Amino acid sequence: MTEKNKIIVESTPYFIAEQSAPEKGKYVFAYTITITNEGSVPAKLLNRHWLITDSNGKIQEVRGDGVIGEQPYLKPGEMFRYTSGAILETSVGTMQGQYAMCSDEGESFNAQIPKFTLSIPRTLH
C-alpha cells in the first residue's frame, strides 16, 4: 500500500449484556469501526474479510460485499463510521481482517483492520 492509498481503520468494541446469555455460551458484542482515507486518492471499499476468534480457538471467517450493505466511497480526508456486531461462545475473543479497496486510479489494495479484543467488562466476570 502506498501513501496515496492510505486507509486507517480504528475500532471501538463493547459488550451487549442485555442480549447475551452467558449460561448458554452466548456473548454478544458490538463494535464501531471508523475508516479514514488518509491517502491522496479517493477509494471505494468493495468487500470485507474478518477472522473472529474466541478463547476456545474457534475461528469464524466472514466475507462479504461492503459493510452494513454499503460500499463507502471515501475522498482524501473523508471518513465512514458504522456499527456492527458479533456473537461469541466465550467471554473473550478477537477480531481482525481487511477491507478490499479500489482507488480512483484503478489500483486494488487491502486496508488492514488491526486486531482488537472483544471482552466482557471485569465487573461482570
N, C-alpha and C. Protein backbone atom coordinates (compact mmCIF):
# COMPACT_ATOMS: atom_id res chain seq x y z
N MET A 1 0.86 -1.18 0.00
CA MET A 1 0.00 0.00 0.00
C MET A 1 0.89 1.23 0.00
N THR A 2 0.68 2.10 -0.92
CA THR A 2 1.46 3.34 -0.99
C THR A 2 0.78 4.42 -0.15
N GLU A 3 1.49 5.50 0.06
CA GLU A 3 0.92 6.61 0.83
C GLU A 3 -0.30 7.21 0.16
N LYS A 4 -0.37 7.11 -1.16
CA LYS A 4 -1.55 7.66 -1.83
C LYS A 4 -2.78 6.80 -1.55
N ASN A 5 -2.56 5.52 -1.23
CA ASN A 5 -3.66 4.61 -0.86
C ASN A 5 -3.51 4.27 0.62
N LYS A 6 -3.78 5.23 1.46
CA LYS A 6 -3.60 5.04 2.91
C LYS A 6 -4.95 5.12 3.60
N ILE A 7 -5.44 3.95 4.02
CA ILE A 7 -6.72 3.86 4.72
C ILE A 7 -6.43 3.42 6.15
N ILE A 8 -6.91 4.20 7.11
CA ILE A 8 -6.72 3.89 8.53
C ILE A 8 -8.04 3.36 9.08
N VAL A 9 -7.96 2.22 9.80
CA VAL A 9 -9.15 1.60 10.38
C VAL A 9 -8.99 1.56 11.89
N GLU A 10 -9.98 2.12 12.59
CA GLU A 10 -9.98 2.13 14.06
C GLU A 10 -11.25 1.45 14.55
N SER A 11 -11.15 0.79 15.71
CA SER A 11 -12.30 0.05 16.25
C SER A 11 -12.56 0.39 17.71
N THR A 12 -13.83 0.34 18.08
CA THR A 12 -14.24 0.51 19.47
C THR A 12 -15.25 -0.60 19.78
N PRO A 13 -14.81 -1.66 20.46
CA PRO A 13 -15.73 -2.76 20.79
C PRO A 13 -16.41 -2.55 22.15
N TYR A 14 -17.60 -3.14 22.29
CA TYR A 14 -18.26 -3.12 23.58
C TYR A 14 -19.19 -4.32 23.72
N PHE A 15 -19.45 -4.70 24.97
CA PHE A 15 -20.25 -5.87 25.32
C PHE A 15 -21.71 -5.47 25.44
N ILE A 16 -22.61 -6.29 24.91
CA ILE A 16 -24.05 -6.03 24.99
C ILE A 16 -24.66 -7.04 25.97
N ALA A 17 -24.65 -6.69 27.25
CA ALA A 17 -25.08 -7.61 28.30
C ALA A 17 -26.54 -8.05 28.14
N GLU A 18 -27.42 -7.11 27.77
CA GLU A 18 -28.85 -7.44 27.72
C GLU A 18 -29.22 -8.43 26.61
N GLN A 19 -28.34 -8.59 25.61
CA GLN A 19 -28.61 -9.57 24.55
C GLN A 19 -27.82 -10.87 24.73
N SER A 20 -26.96 -10.88 25.76
CA SER A 20 -26.12 -12.05 25.99
C SER A 20 -26.78 -13.03 26.95
N ALA A 21 -26.36 -14.28 26.87
CA ALA A 21 -26.82 -15.33 27.77
C ALA A 21 -25.61 -16.20 28.12
N PRO A 22 -24.77 -15.70 29.05
CA PRO A 22 -23.53 -16.43 29.38
C PRO A 22 -23.77 -17.88 29.78
N GLU A 23 -24.89 -18.15 30.46
CA GLU A 23 -25.18 -19.52 30.88
C GLU A 23 -25.42 -20.45 29.69
N LYS A 24 -25.70 -19.87 28.53
CA LYS A 24 -25.91 -20.65 27.30
C LYS A 24 -24.73 -20.50 26.32
N GLY A 25 -23.65 -19.88 26.80
CA GLY A 25 -22.48 -19.69 25.94
C GLY A 25 -22.75 -18.72 24.80
N LYS A 26 -23.48 -17.65 25.11
CA LYS A 26 -23.79 -16.62 24.10
C LYS A 26 -23.36 -15.26 24.64
N TYR A 27 -22.34 -14.72 24.00
CA TYR A 27 -21.81 -13.41 24.38
C TYR A 27 -21.92 -12.50 23.16
N VAL A 28 -22.71 -11.43 23.30
CA VAL A 28 -22.97 -10.53 22.18
C VAL A 28 -22.12 -9.27 22.33
N PHE A 29 -21.41 -8.96 21.28
CA PHE A 29 -20.56 -7.77 21.25
C PHE A 29 -20.95 -6.90 20.07
N ALA A 30 -20.78 -5.61 20.25
CA ALA A 30 -20.92 -4.66 19.14
C ALA A 30 -19.57 -3.98 18.99
N TYR A 31 -19.34 -3.43 17.82
CA TYR A 31 -18.12 -2.69 17.59
C TYR A 31 -18.40 -1.59 16.58
N THR A 32 -17.78 -0.46 16.83
CA THR A 32 -17.89 0.67 15.90
C THR A 32 -16.55 0.79 15.18
N ILE A 33 -16.63 0.83 13.86
CA ILE A 33 -15.45 0.92 13.02
C ILE A 33 -15.43 2.30 12.36
N THR A 34 -14.28 2.94 12.39
CA THR A 34 -14.07 4.20 11.69
C THR A 34 -13.00 3.97 10.63
N ILE A 35 -13.37 4.25 9.38
CA ILE A 35 -12.47 4.08 8.24
C ILE A 35 -12.16 5.47 7.71
N THR A 36 -10.88 5.84 7.70
CA THR A 36 -10.47 7.17 7.27
C THR A 36 -9.50 7.07 6.10
N ASN A 37 -9.77 7.85 5.06
CA ASN A 37 -8.86 7.90 3.91
C ASN A 37 -7.81 8.98 4.19
N GLU A 38 -6.61 8.55 4.57
CA GLU A 38 -5.52 9.49 4.82
C GLU A 38 -4.58 9.54 3.62
N GLY A 39 -4.99 8.93 2.51
CA GLY A 39 -4.19 8.96 1.30
C GLY A 39 -4.53 10.17 0.46
N SER A 40 -4.01 10.18 -0.76
CA SER A 40 -4.21 11.32 -1.65
C SER A 40 -5.14 11.01 -2.82
N VAL A 41 -5.69 9.77 -2.84
CA VAL A 41 -6.55 9.34 -3.94
C VAL A 41 -7.86 8.79 -3.37
N PRO A 42 -9.02 9.18 -3.95
CA PRO A 42 -10.28 8.58 -3.50
C PRO A 42 -10.27 7.07 -3.68
N ALA A 43 -11.00 6.36 -2.80
CA ALA A 43 -11.06 4.91 -2.88
C ALA A 43 -12.43 4.41 -2.41
N LYS A 44 -12.82 3.27 -2.95
CA LYS A 44 -14.09 2.65 -2.60
C LYS A 44 -13.83 1.33 -1.90
N LEU A 45 -14.58 1.08 -0.82
CA LEU A 45 -14.49 -0.19 -0.11
C LEU A 45 -15.38 -1.19 -0.86
N LEU A 46 -14.78 -2.27 -1.34
CA LEU A 46 -15.53 -3.25 -2.13
C LEU A 46 -16.06 -4.40 -1.29
N ASN A 47 -15.19 -5.00 -0.47
CA ASN A 47 -15.66 -6.10 0.37
C ASN A 47 -14.83 -6.22 1.64
N ARG A 48 -15.28 -7.12 2.51
CA ARG A 48 -14.65 -7.28 3.81
C ARG A 48 -14.26 -8.74 4.02
N HIS A 49 -13.27 -8.95 4.87
CA HIS A 49 -12.83 -10.28 5.28
C HIS A 49 -12.44 -10.19 6.74
N TRP A 50 -13.20 -10.89 7.59
CA TRP A 50 -12.96 -10.88 9.03
C TRP A 50 -12.56 -12.26 9.50
N LEU A 51 -11.70 -12.30 10.52
CA LEU A 51 -11.42 -13.51 11.29
C LEU A 51 -11.80 -13.20 12.74
N ILE A 52 -12.78 -13.95 13.24
CA ILE A 52 -13.28 -13.75 14.60
C ILE A 52 -12.91 -15.00 15.39
N THR A 53 -12.10 -14.83 16.43
CA THR A 53 -11.58 -15.97 17.19
C THR A 53 -12.04 -15.87 18.63
N ASP A 54 -12.62 -16.97 19.17
CA ASP A 54 -13.00 -16.95 20.59
C ASP A 54 -11.87 -17.56 21.41
N SER A 55 -12.02 -17.55 22.74
CA SER A 55 -10.93 -18.02 23.60
C SER A 55 -10.78 -19.53 23.60
N ASN A 56 -11.70 -20.25 22.93
CA ASN A 56 -11.53 -21.69 22.73
C ASN A 56 -10.73 -21.98 21.46
N GLY A 57 -10.39 -20.92 20.72
CA GLY A 57 -9.66 -21.11 19.48
C GLY A 57 -10.56 -21.32 18.28
N LYS A 58 -11.87 -21.24 18.48
CA LYS A 58 -12.81 -21.38 17.35
C LYS A 58 -12.75 -20.11 16.50
N ILE A 59 -12.58 -20.29 15.19
CA ILE A 59 -12.46 -19.16 14.27
C ILE A 59 -13.68 -19.11 13.34
N GLN A 60 -14.29 -17.94 13.29
CA GLN A 60 -15.36 -17.68 12.32
C GLN A 60 -14.75 -16.79 11.24
N GLU A 61 -14.92 -17.20 10.00
CA GLU A 61 -14.42 -16.39 8.90
C GLU A 61 -15.63 -15.77 8.20
N VAL A 62 -15.58 -14.46 8.05
CA VAL A 62 -16.71 -13.73 7.45
C VAL A 62 -16.21 -12.95 6.24
N ARG A 63 -16.83 -13.19 5.11
CA ARG A 63 -16.52 -12.45 3.88
C ARG A 63 -17.83 -11.91 3.31
N GLY A 64 -17.75 -10.76 2.68
CA GLY A 64 -18.95 -10.22 2.07
C GLY A 64 -18.69 -8.92 1.36
N ASP A 65 -19.67 -8.51 0.59
CA ASP A 65 -19.59 -7.24 -0.12
C ASP A 65 -19.80 -6.09 0.85
N GLY A 66 -18.95 -5.08 0.77
CA GLY A 66 -19.14 -3.86 1.54
C GLY A 66 -19.22 -4.07 3.04
N VAL A 67 -19.81 -3.09 3.70
CA VAL A 67 -20.06 -3.13 5.14
C VAL A 67 -21.48 -2.61 5.38
N ILE A 68 -22.21 -3.26 6.22
CA ILE A 68 -23.61 -2.93 6.54
C ILE A 68 -24.41 -2.56 5.28
N GLY A 69 -24.20 -3.32 4.22
CA GLY A 69 -24.96 -3.10 2.99
C GLY A 69 -24.49 -1.93 2.14
N GLU A 70 -23.37 -1.34 2.49
CA GLU A 70 -22.86 -0.20 1.74
C GLU A 70 -21.45 -0.47 1.25
N GLN A 71 -21.06 0.23 0.20
CA GLN A 71 -19.68 0.22 -0.28
C GLN A 71 -19.21 1.68 -0.28
N PRO A 72 -18.79 2.16 0.90
CA PRO A 72 -18.46 3.58 1.01
C PRO A 72 -17.33 4.03 0.09
N TYR A 73 -17.52 5.21 -0.46
CA TYR A 73 -16.53 5.87 -1.33
C TYR A 73 -15.95 7.02 -0.53
N LEU A 74 -14.65 6.97 -0.31
CA LEU A 74 -14.01 7.96 0.55
C LEU A 74 -13.00 8.81 -0.23
N LYS A 75 -13.26 10.09 -0.26
CA LYS A 75 -12.29 11.03 -0.83
C LYS A 75 -11.22 11.27 0.21
N PRO A 76 -10.04 11.77 -0.19
CA PRO A 76 -8.99 12.06 0.79
C PRO A 76 -9.53 12.92 1.94
N GLY A 77 -9.24 12.50 3.16
CA GLY A 77 -9.68 13.23 4.34
C GLY A 77 -11.06 12.83 4.84
N GLU A 78 -11.81 12.07 4.05
CA GLU A 78 -13.14 11.66 4.48
C GLU A 78 -13.08 10.39 5.32
N MET A 79 -14.13 10.24 6.15
CA MET A 79 -14.22 9.03 6.96
C MET A 79 -15.63 8.46 6.88
N PHE A 80 -15.72 7.17 7.20
CA PHE A 80 -17.00 6.46 7.24
C PHE A 80 -17.01 5.68 8.54
N ARG A 81 -18.12 5.76 9.28
CA ARG A 81 -18.24 5.06 10.56
C ARG A 81 -19.49 4.20 10.54
N TYR A 82 -19.36 3.00 11.07
CA TYR A 82 -20.52 2.11 11.17
C TYR A 82 -20.38 1.24 12.40
N THR A 83 -21.50 0.67 12.82
CA THR A 83 -21.51 -0.24 13.97
C THR A 83 -22.11 -1.56 13.53
N SER A 84 -21.49 -2.63 13.96
CA SER A 84 -21.96 -3.97 13.65
C SER A 84 -21.77 -4.83 14.90
N GLY A 85 -21.90 -6.14 14.76
CA GLY A 85 -21.79 -6.98 15.94
C GLY A 85 -21.28 -8.36 15.64
N ALA A 86 -20.97 -9.08 16.72
CA ALA A 86 -20.51 -10.45 16.64
C ALA A 86 -21.00 -11.19 17.88
N ILE A 87 -21.24 -12.48 17.71
CA ILE A 87 -21.67 -13.33 18.83
C ILE A 87 -20.60 -14.39 19.03
N LEU A 88 -20.10 -14.50 20.26
CA LEU A 88 -19.10 -15.50 20.61
C LEU A 88 -19.68 -16.50 21.60
N GLU A 89 -19.02 -17.65 21.68
CA GLU A 89 -19.39 -18.66 22.68
C GLU A 89 -18.60 -18.48 23.97
N THR A 90 -17.65 -17.56 23.97
CA THR A 90 -16.82 -17.31 25.14
C THR A 90 -16.86 -15.82 25.48
N SER A 91 -16.39 -15.48 26.68
CA SER A 91 -16.46 -14.09 27.16
C SER A 91 -15.35 -13.21 26.60
N VAL A 92 -14.38 -13.82 25.93
CA VAL A 92 -13.26 -13.07 25.35
C VAL A 92 -12.97 -13.60 23.95
N GLY A 93 -12.63 -12.70 23.06
CA GLY A 93 -12.23 -13.10 21.71
C GLY A 93 -11.54 -11.95 21.02
N THR A 94 -11.15 -12.19 19.77
CA THR A 94 -10.51 -11.14 18.99
C THR A 94 -11.12 -11.09 17.60
N MET A 95 -10.97 -9.94 16.98
CA MET A 95 -11.38 -9.75 15.59
C MET A 95 -10.25 -9.05 14.86
N GLN A 96 -10.06 -9.42 13.60
CA GLN A 96 -9.10 -8.74 12.73
C GLN A 96 -9.48 -9.06 11.30
N GLY A 97 -8.94 -8.31 10.37
CA GLY A 97 -9.27 -8.59 8.99
C GLY A 97 -8.75 -7.54 8.04
N GLN A 98 -9.47 -7.41 6.93
CA GLN A 98 -9.08 -6.43 5.93
C GLN A 98 -10.27 -6.07 5.05
N TYR A 99 -10.17 -4.87 4.50
CA TYR A 99 -11.14 -4.40 3.52
C TYR A 99 -10.45 -4.36 2.17
N ALA A 100 -11.08 -4.92 1.16
CA ALA A 100 -10.57 -4.81 -0.21
C ALA A 100 -11.04 -3.47 -0.75
N MET A 101 -10.08 -2.67 -1.21
CA MET A 101 -10.36 -1.32 -1.68
C MET A 101 -9.96 -1.20 -3.15
N CYS A 102 -10.54 -0.21 -3.82
CA CYS A 102 -10.13 0.12 -5.19
C CYS A 102 -10.05 1.64 -5.29
N SER A 103 -8.89 2.12 -5.73
CA SER A 103 -8.71 3.57 -5.84
C SER A 103 -9.28 4.08 -7.15
N ASP A 104 -9.46 5.39 -7.24
CA ASP A 104 -9.92 6.02 -8.47
C ASP A 104 -8.94 5.80 -9.62
N GLU A 105 -7.70 5.45 -9.29
CA GLU A 105 -6.71 5.19 -10.32
C GLU A 105 -6.74 3.73 -10.78
N GLY A 106 -7.71 2.98 -10.26
CA GLY A 106 -7.86 1.58 -10.67
C GLY A 106 -7.00 0.60 -9.90
N GLU A 107 -6.29 1.07 -8.88
CA GLU A 107 -5.45 0.18 -8.08
C GLU A 107 -6.28 -0.53 -7.03
N SER A 108 -6.09 -1.85 -6.92
CA SER A 108 -6.71 -2.63 -5.85
C SER A 108 -5.69 -2.75 -4.72
N PHE A 109 -6.17 -2.60 -3.49
CA PHE A 109 -5.30 -2.75 -2.33
C PHE A 109 -6.14 -3.12 -1.12
N ASN A 110 -5.49 -3.64 -0.09
CA ASN A 110 -6.19 -4.02 1.14
C ASN A 110 -5.90 -3.02 2.25
N ALA A 111 -6.95 -2.66 2.96
CA ALA A 111 -6.81 -1.84 4.17
C ALA A 111 -6.91 -2.80 5.35
N GLN A 112 -5.84 -2.88 6.13
CA GLN A 112 -5.81 -3.81 7.25
C GLN A 112 -6.68 -3.31 8.41
N ILE A 113 -7.38 -4.26 9.04
CA ILE A 113 -8.15 -3.97 10.25
C ILE A 113 -7.33 -4.55 11.40
N PRO A 114 -6.67 -3.69 12.19
CA PRO A 114 -5.84 -4.21 13.28
C PRO A 114 -6.66 -5.04 14.27
N LYS A 115 -6.02 -6.06 14.82
CA LYS A 115 -6.69 -6.95 15.78
C LYS A 115 -7.17 -6.15 16.98
N PHE A 116 -8.41 -6.44 17.39
CA PHE A 116 -8.92 -5.84 18.63
C PHE A 116 -9.61 -6.92 19.44
N THR A 117 -9.74 -6.66 20.73
CA THR A 117 -10.27 -7.65 21.67
C THR A 117 -11.72 -7.38 22.00
N LEU A 118 -12.49 -8.46 21.99
CA LEU A 118 -13.87 -8.44 22.48
C LEU A 118 -13.82 -9.08 23.86
N SER A 119 -14.30 -8.38 24.87
CA SER A 119 -14.22 -8.91 26.23
C SER A 119 -15.32 -8.31 27.09
N ILE A 120 -15.88 -9.13 27.95
CA ILE A 120 -16.87 -8.57 28.87
C ILE A 120 -16.13 -7.76 29.92
N PRO A 121 -16.76 -6.70 30.44
CA PRO A 121 -16.09 -5.88 31.46
C PRO A 121 -15.74 -6.71 32.69
N ARG A 122 -14.64 -6.37 33.34
CA ARG A 122 -14.17 -7.13 34.51
C ARG A 122 -15.24 -7.25 35.60
N THR A 123 -16.07 -6.24 35.72
CA THR A 123 -17.09 -6.26 36.78
C THR A 123 -18.12 -7.38 36.55
N LEU A 124 -18.18 -7.92 35.33
CA LEU A 124 -19.15 -8.97 35.03
C LEU A 124 -18.54 -10.37 35.09
N HIS A 125 -17.24 -10.49 35.27
CA HIS A 125 -16.58 -11.81 35.31
C HIS A 125 -17.00 -12.57 36.54
